[in-house]
Amino acid sequence: MHLSPEARAAFWTMVSIFIVFKVATTAMIIMAMPETAGTTIWLFFAFHWPFILGGLILAATPIAFWFRLVRVRARRARLQAAEWRTD
């Protein structure tokens, strides 16, 4: 299934709104009752661990690609510098 750019933008906008709402609600609960901060954070992670884990898994591939790209570019720069060095 291929989504148009407008549909993709709408999807990510809704996902972002849900995430901001959940985090803001948790922050407001902690501000209103600071003595329950530990329990509130624990419950947040207990109810949202599948989404957090899924987000980390989905983010792992682009992050790994970026690190590899940085390493390859650094190696390329070293090779080019060595090519022009005349010691």
PDB file of N, CA and C in Angstrom:
ATOM      1  N   MET A   1       0.837  -1.170   0.000  1.00  0.00           N
ATOM      2  CA  MET A   1       0.000   0.000   0.000  1.00  0.00           C
ATOM      3  C   MET A   1       0.887   1.240   0.000  1.00  0.00           C
ATOM      4  N   HIS A   2       0.681   2.095  -0.957  1.00  0.00           N
ATOM      5  CA  HIS A   2       1.487   3.302  -1.094  1.00  0.00           C
ATOM      6  C   HIS A   2       0.657   4.510  -0.691  1.00  0.00           C
ATOM      7  N   LEU A   3       1.199   5.288   0.244  1.00  0.00           N
ATOM      8  CA  LEU A   3       0.489   6.474   0.702  1.00  0.00           C
ATOM      9  C   LEU A   3       1.031   7.711   0.007  1.00  0.00           C
ATOM     10  N   SER A   4       0.143   8.632  -0.253  1.00  0.00           N
ATOM     11  CA  SER A   4       0.563   9.898  -0.839  1.00  0.00           C
ATOM     12  C   SER A   4       1.313  10.712   0.217  1.00  0.00           C
ATOM     13  N   PRO A   5       2.108  11.688  -0.206  1.00  0.00           N
ATOM     14  CA  PRO A   5       2.815  12.515   0.780  1.00  0.00           C
ATOM     15  C   PRO A   5       1.869  13.225   1.743  1.00  0.00           C
ATOM     16  N   GLU A   6       0.695  13.617   1.256  1.00  0.00           N
ATOM     17  CA  GLU A   6      -0.276  14.283   2.138  1.00  0.00           C
ATOM     18  C   GLU A   6      -0.792  13.325   3.205  1.00  0.00           C
ATOM     19  N   ALA A   7      -1.056  12.079   2.813  1.00  0.00           N
ATOM     20  CA  ALA A   7      -1.548  11.087   3.769  1.00  0.00           C
ATOM     21  C   ALA A   7      -0.465  10.751   4.786  1.00  0.00           C
ATOM     22  N   ARG A   8       0.771  10.646   4.327  1.00  0.00           N
ATOM     23  CA  ARG A   8       1.874  10.379   5.236  1.00  0.00           C
ATOM     24  C   ARG A   8       2.051  11.516   6.236  1.00  0.00           C
ATOM     25  N   ALA A   9       1.957  12.749   5.754  1.00  0.00           N
ATOM     26  CA  ALA A   9       2.080  13.911   6.641  1.00  0.00           C
ATOM     27  C   ALA A   9       0.951  13.921   7.664  1.00  0.00           C
ATOM     28  N   ALA A  10      -0.260  13.593   7.239  1.00  0.00           N
ATOM     29  CA  ALA A  10      -1.396  13.553   8.160  1.00  0.00           C
ATOM     30  C   ALA A  10      -1.199  12.459   9.216  1.00  0.00           C
ATOM     31  N   PHE A  11      -0.703  11.315   8.786  1.00  0.00           N
ATOM     32  CA  PHE A  11      -0.451  10.215   9.719  1.00  0.00           C
ATOM     33  C   PHE A  11       0.559  10.613  10.780  1.00  0.00           C
ATOM     34  N   TRP A  12       1.702  11.159  10.356  1.00  0.00           N
ATOM     35  CA  TRP A  12       2.741  11.529  11.315  1.00  0.00           C
ATOM     36  C   TRP A  12       2.310  12.695  12.193  1.00  0.00           C
ATOM     37  N   THR A  13       1.454  13.568  11.671  1.00  0.00           N
ATOM     38  CA  THR A  13       0.921  14.640  12.499  1.00  0.00           C
ATOM     39  C   THR A  13       0.062  14.068  13.621  1.00  0.00           C
ATOM     40  N   MET A  14      -0.788  13.125  13.307  1.00  0.00           N
ATOM     41  CA  MET A  14      -1.643  12.511  14.329  1.00  0.00           C
ATOM     42  C   MET A  14      -0.812  11.732  15.351  1.00  0.00           C
ATOM     43  N   VAL A  15       0.182  10.981  14.888  1.00  0.00           N
ATOM     44  CA  VAL A  15       1.039  10.233  15.802  1.00  0.00           C
ATOM     45  C   VAL A  15       1.760  11.199  16.742  1.00  0.00           C
ATOM     46  N   SER A  16       2.277  12.294  16.193  1.00  0.00           N
ATOM     47  CA  SER A  16       2.977  13.288  17.012  1.00  0.00           C
ATOM     48  C   SER A  16       2.056  13.913  18.046  1.00  0.00           C
ATOM     49  N   ILE A  17       0.828  14.212  17.649  1.00  0.00           N
ATOM     50  CA  ILE A  17      -0.144  14.780  18.585  1.00  0.00           C
ATOM     51  C   ILE A  17      -0.415  13.811  19.732  1.00  0.00           C
ATOM     52  N   PHE A  18      -0.580  12.524  19.426  1.00  0.00           N
ATOM     53  CA  PHE A  18      -0.824  11.529  20.473  1.00  0.00           C
ATOM     54  C   PHE A  18       0.362  11.439  21.431  1.00  0.00           C
ATOM     55  N   ILE A  19       1.570  11.448  20.893  1.00  0.00           N
ATOM     56  CA  ILE A  19       2.760  11.341  21.735  1.00  0.00           C
ATOM     57  C   ILE A  19       2.886  12.562  22.637  1.00  0.00           C
ATOM     58  N   VAL A  20       2.729  13.744  22.059  1.00  0.00           N
ATOM     59  CA  VAL A  20       2.831  14.972  22.859  1.00  0.00           C
ATOM     60  C   VAL A  20       1.751  14.992  23.938  1.00  0.00           C
ATOM     61  N   PHE A  21       0.533  14.572  23.594  1.00  0.00           N
ATOM     62  CA  PHE A  21      -0.552  14.548  24.577  1.00  0.00           C
ATOM     63  C   PHE A  21      -0.216  13.609  25.726  1.00  0.00           C
ATOM     64  N   LYS A  22       0.274  12.431  25.428  1.00  0.00           N
ATOM     65  CA  LYS A  22       0.591  11.463  26.485  1.00  0.00           C
ATOM     66  C   LYS A  22       1.710  11.967  27.391  1.00  0.00           C
ATOM     67  N   VAL A  23       2.761  12.526  26.789  1.00  0.00           N
ATOM     68  CA  VAL A  23       3.880  13.023  27.587  1.00  0.00           C
ATOM     69  C   VAL A  23       3.453  14.248  28.405  1.00  0.00           C
ATOM     70  N   ALA A  24       2.675  15.148  27.804  1.00  0.00           N
ATOM     71  CA  ALA A  24       2.219  16.336  28.522  1.00  0.00           C
ATOM     72  C   ALA A  24       1.291  15.955  29.679  1.00  0.00           C
ATOM     73  N   THR A  25       0.412  14.994  29.460  1.00  0.00           N
ATOM     74  CA  THR A  25      -0.477  14.543  30.530  1.00  0.00           C
ATOM     75  C   THR A  25       0.323  13.946  31.682  1.00  0.00           C
ATOM     76  N   THR A  26       1.310  13.136  31.354  1.00  0.00           N
ATOM     77  CA  THR A  26       2.164  12.553  32.389  1.00  0.00           C
ATOM     78  C   THR A  26       2.907  13.648  33.146  1.00  0.00           C
ATOM     79  N   ALA A  27       3.418  14.642  32.430  1.00  0.00           N
ATOM     80  CA  ALA A  27       4.133  15.749  33.082  1.00  0.00           C
ATOM     81  C   ALA A  27       3.197  16.534  33.997  1.00  0.00           C
ATOM     82  N   MET A  28       1.961  16.754  33.565  1.00  0.00           N
ATOM     83  CA  MET A  28       1.003  17.481  34.410  1.00  0.00           C
ATOM     84  C   MET A  28       0.657  16.695  35.676  1.00  0.00           C
ATOM     85  N   ILE A  29       0.534  15.378  35.544  1.00  0.00           N
ATOM     86  CA  ILE A  29       0.255  14.547  36.720  1.00  0.00           C
ATOM     87  C   ILE A  29       1.414  14.639  37.701  1.00  0.00           C
ATOM     88  N   ILE A  30       2.635  14.595  37.177  1.00  0.00           N
ATOM     89  CA  ILE A  30       3.813  14.686  38.049  1.00  0.00           C
ATOM     90  C   ILE A  30       3.891  16.057  38.714  1.00  0.00           C
ATOM     91  N   MET A  31       3.561  17.125  37.963  1.00  0.00           N
ATOM     92  CA  MET A  31       3.587  18.462  38.560  1.00  0.00           C
ATOM     93  C   MET A  31       2.506  18.623  39.623  1.00  0.00           C
ATOM     94  N   ALA A  32       1.353  18.014  39.409  1.00  0.00           N
ATOM     95  CA  ALA A  32       0.257  18.145  40.368  1.00  0.00           C
ATOM     96  C   ALA A  32       0.510  17.320  41.630  1.00  0.00           C
ATOM     97  N   MET A  33       1.155  16.163  41.460  1.00  0.00           N
ATOM     98  CA  MET A  33       1.408  15.287  42.596  1.00  0.00           C
ATOM     99  C   MET A  33       2.854  14.790  42.548  1.00  0.00           C
ATOM    100  N   PRO A  34       3.803  15.628  42.916  1.00  0.00           N
ATOM    101  CA  PRO A  34       5.217  15.232  42.800  1.00  0.00           C
ATOM    102  C   PRO A  34       5.599  14.010  43.639  1.00  0.00           C
ATOM    103  N   GLU A  35       4.849  13.760  44.704  1.00  0.00           N
ATOM    104  CA  GLU A  35       5.181  12.609  45.555  1.00  0.00           C
ATOM    105  C   GLU A  35       4.909  11.277  44.853  1.00  0.00           C
ATOM    106  N   THR A  36       4.122  11.297  43.780  1.00  0.00           N
ATOM    107  CA  THR A  36       3.827  10.060  43.046  1.00  0.00           C
ATOM    108  C   THR A  36       4.587   9.993  41.725  1.00  0.00           C
ATOM    109  N   ALA A  37       5.661  10.763  41.593  1.00  0.00           N
ATOM    110  CA  ALA A  37       6.396  10.820  40.327  1.00  0.00           C
ATOM    111  C   ALA A  37       6.939   9.453  39.927  1.00  0.00           C
ATOM    112  N   GLY A  38       7.525   8.732  40.869  1.00  0.00           N
ATOM    113  CA  GLY A  38       8.081   7.413  40.560  1.00  0.00           C
ATOM    114  C   GLY A  38       7.029   6.454  40.048  1.00  0.00           C
ATOM    115  N   THR A  39       5.887   6.417  40.720  1.00  0.00           N
ATOM    116  CA  THR A  39       4.797   5.539  40.302  1.00  0.00           C
ATOM    117  C   THR A  39       4.244   5.957  38.947  1.00  0.00           C
ATOM    118  N   THR A  40       4.102   7.255  38.742  1.00  0.00           N
ATOM    119  CA  THR A  40       3.567   7.756  37.473  1.00  0.00           C
ATOM    120  C   THR A  40       4.473   7.388  36.311  1.00  0.00           C
ATOM    121  N   ILE A  41       5.768   7.588  36.481  1.00  0.00           N
ATOM    122  CA  ILE A  41       6.706   7.244  35.414  1.00  0.00           C
ATOM    123  C   ILE A  41       6.727   5.739  35.181  1.00  0.00           C
ATOM    124  N   TRP A  42       6.700   4.962  36.263  1.00  0.00           N
ATOM    125  CA  TRP A  42       6.673   3.505  36.127  1.00  0.00           C
ATOM    126  C   TRP A  42       5.433   3.057  35.357  1.00  0.00           C
ATOM    127  N   LEU A  43       4.273   3.624  35.692  1.00  0.00           N
ATOM    128  CA  LEU A  43       3.044   3.277  34.976  1.00  0.00           C
ATOM    129  C   LEU A  43       3.097   3.701  33.515  1.00  0.00           C
ATOM    130  N   PHE A  44       3.697   4.867  33.255  1.00  0.00           N
ATOM    131  CA  PHE A  44       3.829   5.325  31.869  1.00  0.00           C
ATOM    132  C   PHE A  44       4.608   4.297  31.052  1.00  0.00           C
ATOM    133  N   PHE A  45       5.757   3.871  31.586  1.00  0.00           N
ATOM    134  CA  PHE A  45       6.555   2.877  30.860  1.00  0.00           C
ATOM    135  C   PHE A  45       5.868   1.518  30.824  1.00  0.00           C
ATOM    136  N   ALA A  46       5.153   1.150  31.877  1.00  0.00           N
ATOM    137  CA  ALA A  46       4.466  -0.139  31.904  1.00  0.00           C
ATOM    138  C   ALA A  46       3.382  -0.210  30.830  1.00  0.00           C
ATOM    139  N   PHE A  47       2.671   0.902  30.611  1.00  0.00           N
ATOM    140  CA  PHE A  47       1.602   0.901  29.621  1.00  0.00           C
ATOM    141  C   PHE A  47       2.100   1.158  28.200  1.00  0.00           C
ATOM    142  N   HIS A  48       3.279   1.745  28.068  1.00  0.00           N
ATOM    143  CA  HIS A  48       3.742   2.140  26.738  1.00  0.00           C
ATOM    144  C   HIS A  48       4.995   1.419  26.269  1.00  0.00           C
ATOM    145  N   TRP A  49       5.444   0.372  26.982  1.00  0.00           N
ATOM    146  CA  TRP A  49       6.680  -0.293  26.586  1.00  0.00           C
ATOM    147  C   TRP A  49       6.624  -0.868  25.174  1.00  0.00           C
ATOM    148  N   PRO A  50       5.487  -1.383  24.680  1.00  0.00           N
ATOM    149  CA  PRO A  50       5.511  -1.890  23.294  1.00  0.00           C
ATOM    150  C   PRO A  50       5.778  -0.778  22.282  1.00  0.00           C
ATOM    151  N   PHE A  51       5.222   0.408  22.535  1.00  0.00           N
ATOM    152  CA  PHE A  51       5.421   1.527  21.613  1.00  0.00           C
ATOM    153  C   PHE A  51       6.855   2.051  21.695  1.00  0.00           C
ATOM    154  N   ILE A  52       7.399   2.093  22.911  1.00  0.00           N
ATOM    155  CA  ILE A  52       8.775   2.548  23.091  1.00  0.00           C
ATOM    156  C   ILE A  52       9.728   1.561  22.417  1.00  0.00           C
ATOM    157  N   LEU A  53       9.520   0.276  22.637  1.00  0.00           N
ATOM    158  CA  LEU A  53      10.367  -0.750  22.025  1.00  0.00           C
ATOM    159  C   LEU A  53      10.246  -0.719  20.502  1.00  0.00           C
ATOM    160  N   GLY A  54       9.021  -0.585  20.008  1.00  0.00           N
ATOM    161  CA  GLY A  54       8.819  -0.502  18.559  1.00  0.00           C
ATOM    162  C   GLY A  54       9.501   0.712  17.951  1.00  0.00           C
ATOM    163  N   GLY A  55       9.415   1.840  18.648  1.00  0.00           N
ATOM    164  CA  GLY A  55      10.084   3.047  18.164  1.00  0.00           C
ATOM    165  C   GLY A  55      11.590   2.886  18.132  1.00  0.00           C
ATOM    166  N   LEU A  56      12.145   2.240  19.161  1.00  0.00           N
ATOM    167  CA  LEU A  56      13.587   2.007  19.179  1.00  0.00           C
ATOM    168  C   LEU A  56      14.013   1.068  18.055  1.00  0.00           C
ATOM    169  N   ILE A  57      13.224   0.034  17.804  1.00  0.00           N
ATOM    170  CA  ILE A  57      13.546  -0.901  16.724  1.00  0.00           C
ATOM    171  C   ILE A  57      13.464  -0.205  15.372  1.00  0.00           C
ATOM    172  N   LEU A  58      12.421   0.590  15.178  1.00  0.00           N
ATOM    173  CA  LEU A  58      12.286   1.305  13.906  1.00  0.00           C
ATOM    174  C   LEU A  58      13.377   2.356  13.723  1.00  0.00           C
ATOM    175  N   ALA A  59      13.858   2.931  14.813  1.00  0.00           N
ATOM    176  CA  ALA A  59      14.900   3.952  14.718  1.00  0.00           C
ATOM    177  C   ALA A  59      16.294   3.343  14.590  1.00  0.00           C
ATOM    178  N   ALA A  60      16.457   2.067  14.926  1.00  0.00           N
ATOM    179  CA  ALA A  60      17.787   1.446  14.924  1.00  0.00           C
ATOM    180  C   ALA A  60      18.396   1.402  13.527  1.00  0.00           C
ATOM    181  N   THR A  61      17.626   1.081  12.525  1.00  0.00           N
ATOM    182  CA  THR A  61      18.169   0.970  11.166  1.00  0.00           C
ATOM    183  C   THR A  61      18.679   2.308  10.641  1.00  0.00           C
ATOM    184  N   PRO A  62      17.901   3.399  10.693  1.00  0.00           N
ATOM    185  CA  PRO A  62      18.458   4.670  10.218  1.00  0.00           C
ATOM    186  C   PRO A  62      19.664   5.133  11.029  1.00  0.00           C
ATOM    187  N   ILE A  63      19.658   4.883  12.334  1.00  0.00           N
ATOM    188  CA  ILE A  63      20.787   5.287  13.168  1.00  0.00           C
ATOM    189  C   ILE A  63      22.032   4.485  12.794  1.00  0.00           C
ATOM    190  N   ALA A  64      21.878   3.173  12.602  1.00  0.00           N
ATOM    191  CA  ALA A  64      23.012   2.342  12.192  1.00  0.00           C
ATOM    192  C   ALA A  64      23.533   2.778  10.832  1.00  0.00           C
ATOM    193  N   PHE A  65      22.637   3.087   9.908  1.00  0.00           N
ATOM    194  CA  PHE A  65      23.047   3.563   8.584  1.00  0.00           C
ATOM    195  C   PHE A  65      23.828   4.868   8.706  1.00  0.00           C
ATOM    196  N   TRP A  66      23.359   5.782   9.550  1.00  0.00           N
ATOM    197  CA  TRP A  66      24.029   7.066   9.721  1.00  0.00           C
ATOM    198  C   TRP A  66      25.427   6.876  10.289  1.00  0.00           C
ATOM    199  N   PHE A  67      25.578   6.006  11.321  1.00  0.00           N
ATOM    200  CA  PHE A  67      26.901   5.750  11.891  1.00  0.00           C
ATOM    201  C   PHE A  67      27.839   5.142  10.850  1.00  0.00           C
ATOM    202  N   ARG A  68      27.322   4.216  10.051  1.00  0.00           N
ATOM    203  CA  ARG A  68      28.154   3.614   9.006  1.00  0.00           C
ATOM    204  C   ARG A  68      28.563   4.666   7.985  1.00  0.00           C
ATOM    205  N   LEU A  69      27.645   5.537   7.616  1.00  0.00           N
ATOM    206  CA  LEU A  69      27.939   6.598   6.662  1.00  0.00           C
ATOM    207  C   LEU A  69      29.024   7.533   7.190  1.00  0.00           C
ATOM    208  N   VAL A  70      28.960   7.869   8.467  1.00  0.00           N
ATOM    209  CA  VAL A  70      29.977   8.732   9.072  1.00  0.00           C
ATOM    210  C   VAL A  70      31.337   8.037   9.046  1.00  0.00           C
ATOM    211  N   ARG A  71      31.363   6.742   9.381  1.00  0.00           N
ATOM    212  CA  ARG A  71      32.630   5.997   9.352  1.00  0.00           C
ATOM    213  C   ARG A  71      33.207   5.922   7.947  1.00  0.00           C
ATOM    214  N   VAL A  72      32.362   5.655   6.953  1.00  0.00           N
ATOM    215  CA  VAL A  72      32.830   5.548   5.574  1.00  0.00           C
ATOM    216  C   VAL A  72      33.359   6.892   5.089  1.00  0.00           C
ATOM    217  N   ARG A  73      32.674   7.968   5.421  1.00  0.00           N
ATOM    218  CA  ARG A  73      33.144   9.290   4.998  1.00  0.00           C
ATOM    219  C   ARG A  73      34.474   9.638   5.664  1.00  0.00           C
ATOM    220  N   ALA A  74      34.629   9.270   6.936  1.00  0.00           N
ATOM    221  CA  ALA A  74      35.890   9.533   7.622  1.00  0.00           C
ATOM    222  C   ALA A  74      37.021   8.730   6.982  1.00  0.00           C
ATOM    223  N   ARG A  75      36.745   7.494   6.656  1.00  0.00           N
ATOM    224  CA  ARG A  75      37.774   6.656   6.005  1.00  0.00           C
ATOM    225  C   ARG A  75      38.126   7.214   4.634  1.00  0.00           C
ATOM    226  N   ARG A  76      37.134   7.665   3.907  1.00  0.00           N
ATOM    227  CA  ARG A  76      37.371   8.254   2.591  1.00  0.00           C
ATOM    228  C   ARG A  76      38.244   9.501   2.708  1.00  0.00           C
ATOM    229  N   ALA A  77      37.978  10.328   3.695  1.00  0.00           N
ATOM    230  CA  ALA A  77      38.782  11.531   3.906  1.00  0.00           C
ATOM    231  C   ALA A  77      40.224  11.164   4.246  1.00  0.00           C
ATOM    232  N   ARG A  78      40.408  10.127   5.084  1.00  0.00           N
ATOM    233  CA  ARG A  78      41.772   9.685   5.418  1.00  0.00           C
ATOM    234  C   ARG A  78      42.492   9.166   4.180  1.00  0.00           C
ATOM    235  N   LEU A  79      41.804   8.389   3.354  1.00  0.00           N
ATOM    236  CA  LEU A  79      42.415   7.854   2.139  1.00  0.00           C
ATOM    237  C   LEU A  79      42.783   8.963   1.163  1.00  0.00           C
ATOM    238  N   GLN A  80      41.911   9.948   1.021  1.00  0.00           N
ATOM    239  CA  GLN A  80      42.219  11.067   0.121  1.00  0.00           C
ATOM    240  C   GLN A  80      43.403  11.869   0.634  1.00  0.00           C
ATOM    241  N   ALA A  81      43.458  12.075   1.944  1.00  0.00           N
ATOM    242  CA  ALA A  81      44.594  12.810   2.512  1.00  0.00           C
ATOM    243  C   ALA A  81      45.884  12.022   2.325  1.00  0.00           C
ATOM    244  N   ALA A  82      45.827  10.707   2.500  1.00  0.00           N
ATOM    245  CA  ALA A  82      47.010   9.875   2.315  1.00  0.00           C
ATOM    246  C   ALA A  82      47.453   9.863   0.856  1.00  0.00           C
ATOM    247  N   GLU A  83      46.527   9.952  -0.042  1.00  0.00           N
ATOM    248  CA  GLU A  83      46.852   9.958  -1.480  1.00  0.00           C
ATOM    249  C   GLU A  83      47.644  11.187  -1.862  1.00  0.00           C
ATOM    250  N   TRP A  84      47.351  12.315  -1.228  1.00  0.00           N
ATOM    251  CA  TRP A  84      48.029  13.564  -1.579  1.00  0.00           C
ATOM    252  C   TRP A  84      49.252  13.847  -0.716  1.00  0.00           C
ATOM    253  N   ARG A  85      49.465  13.062   0.320  1.00  0.00           N
ATOM    254  CA  ARG A  85      50.618  13.262   1.189  1.00  0.00           C
ATOM    255  C   ARG A  85      51.897  12.782   0.487  1.00  0.00           C
ATOM    256  N   THR A  86      52.938  13.533   0.611  1.00  0.00           N
ATOM    257  CA  THR A  86      54.195  13.152  -0.053  1.00  0.00           C
ATOM    258  C   THR A  86      55.350  13.097   0.939  1.00  0.00           C
ATOM    259  N   ASP A  87      55.153  12.381   2.053  1.00  0.00           N
ATOM    260  CA  ASP A  87      56.237  12.320   3.031  1.00  0.00           C
ATOM    261  C   ASP A  87      57.244  11.271   2.646  1.00  0.00           C
TER     262      ASP A  87
END
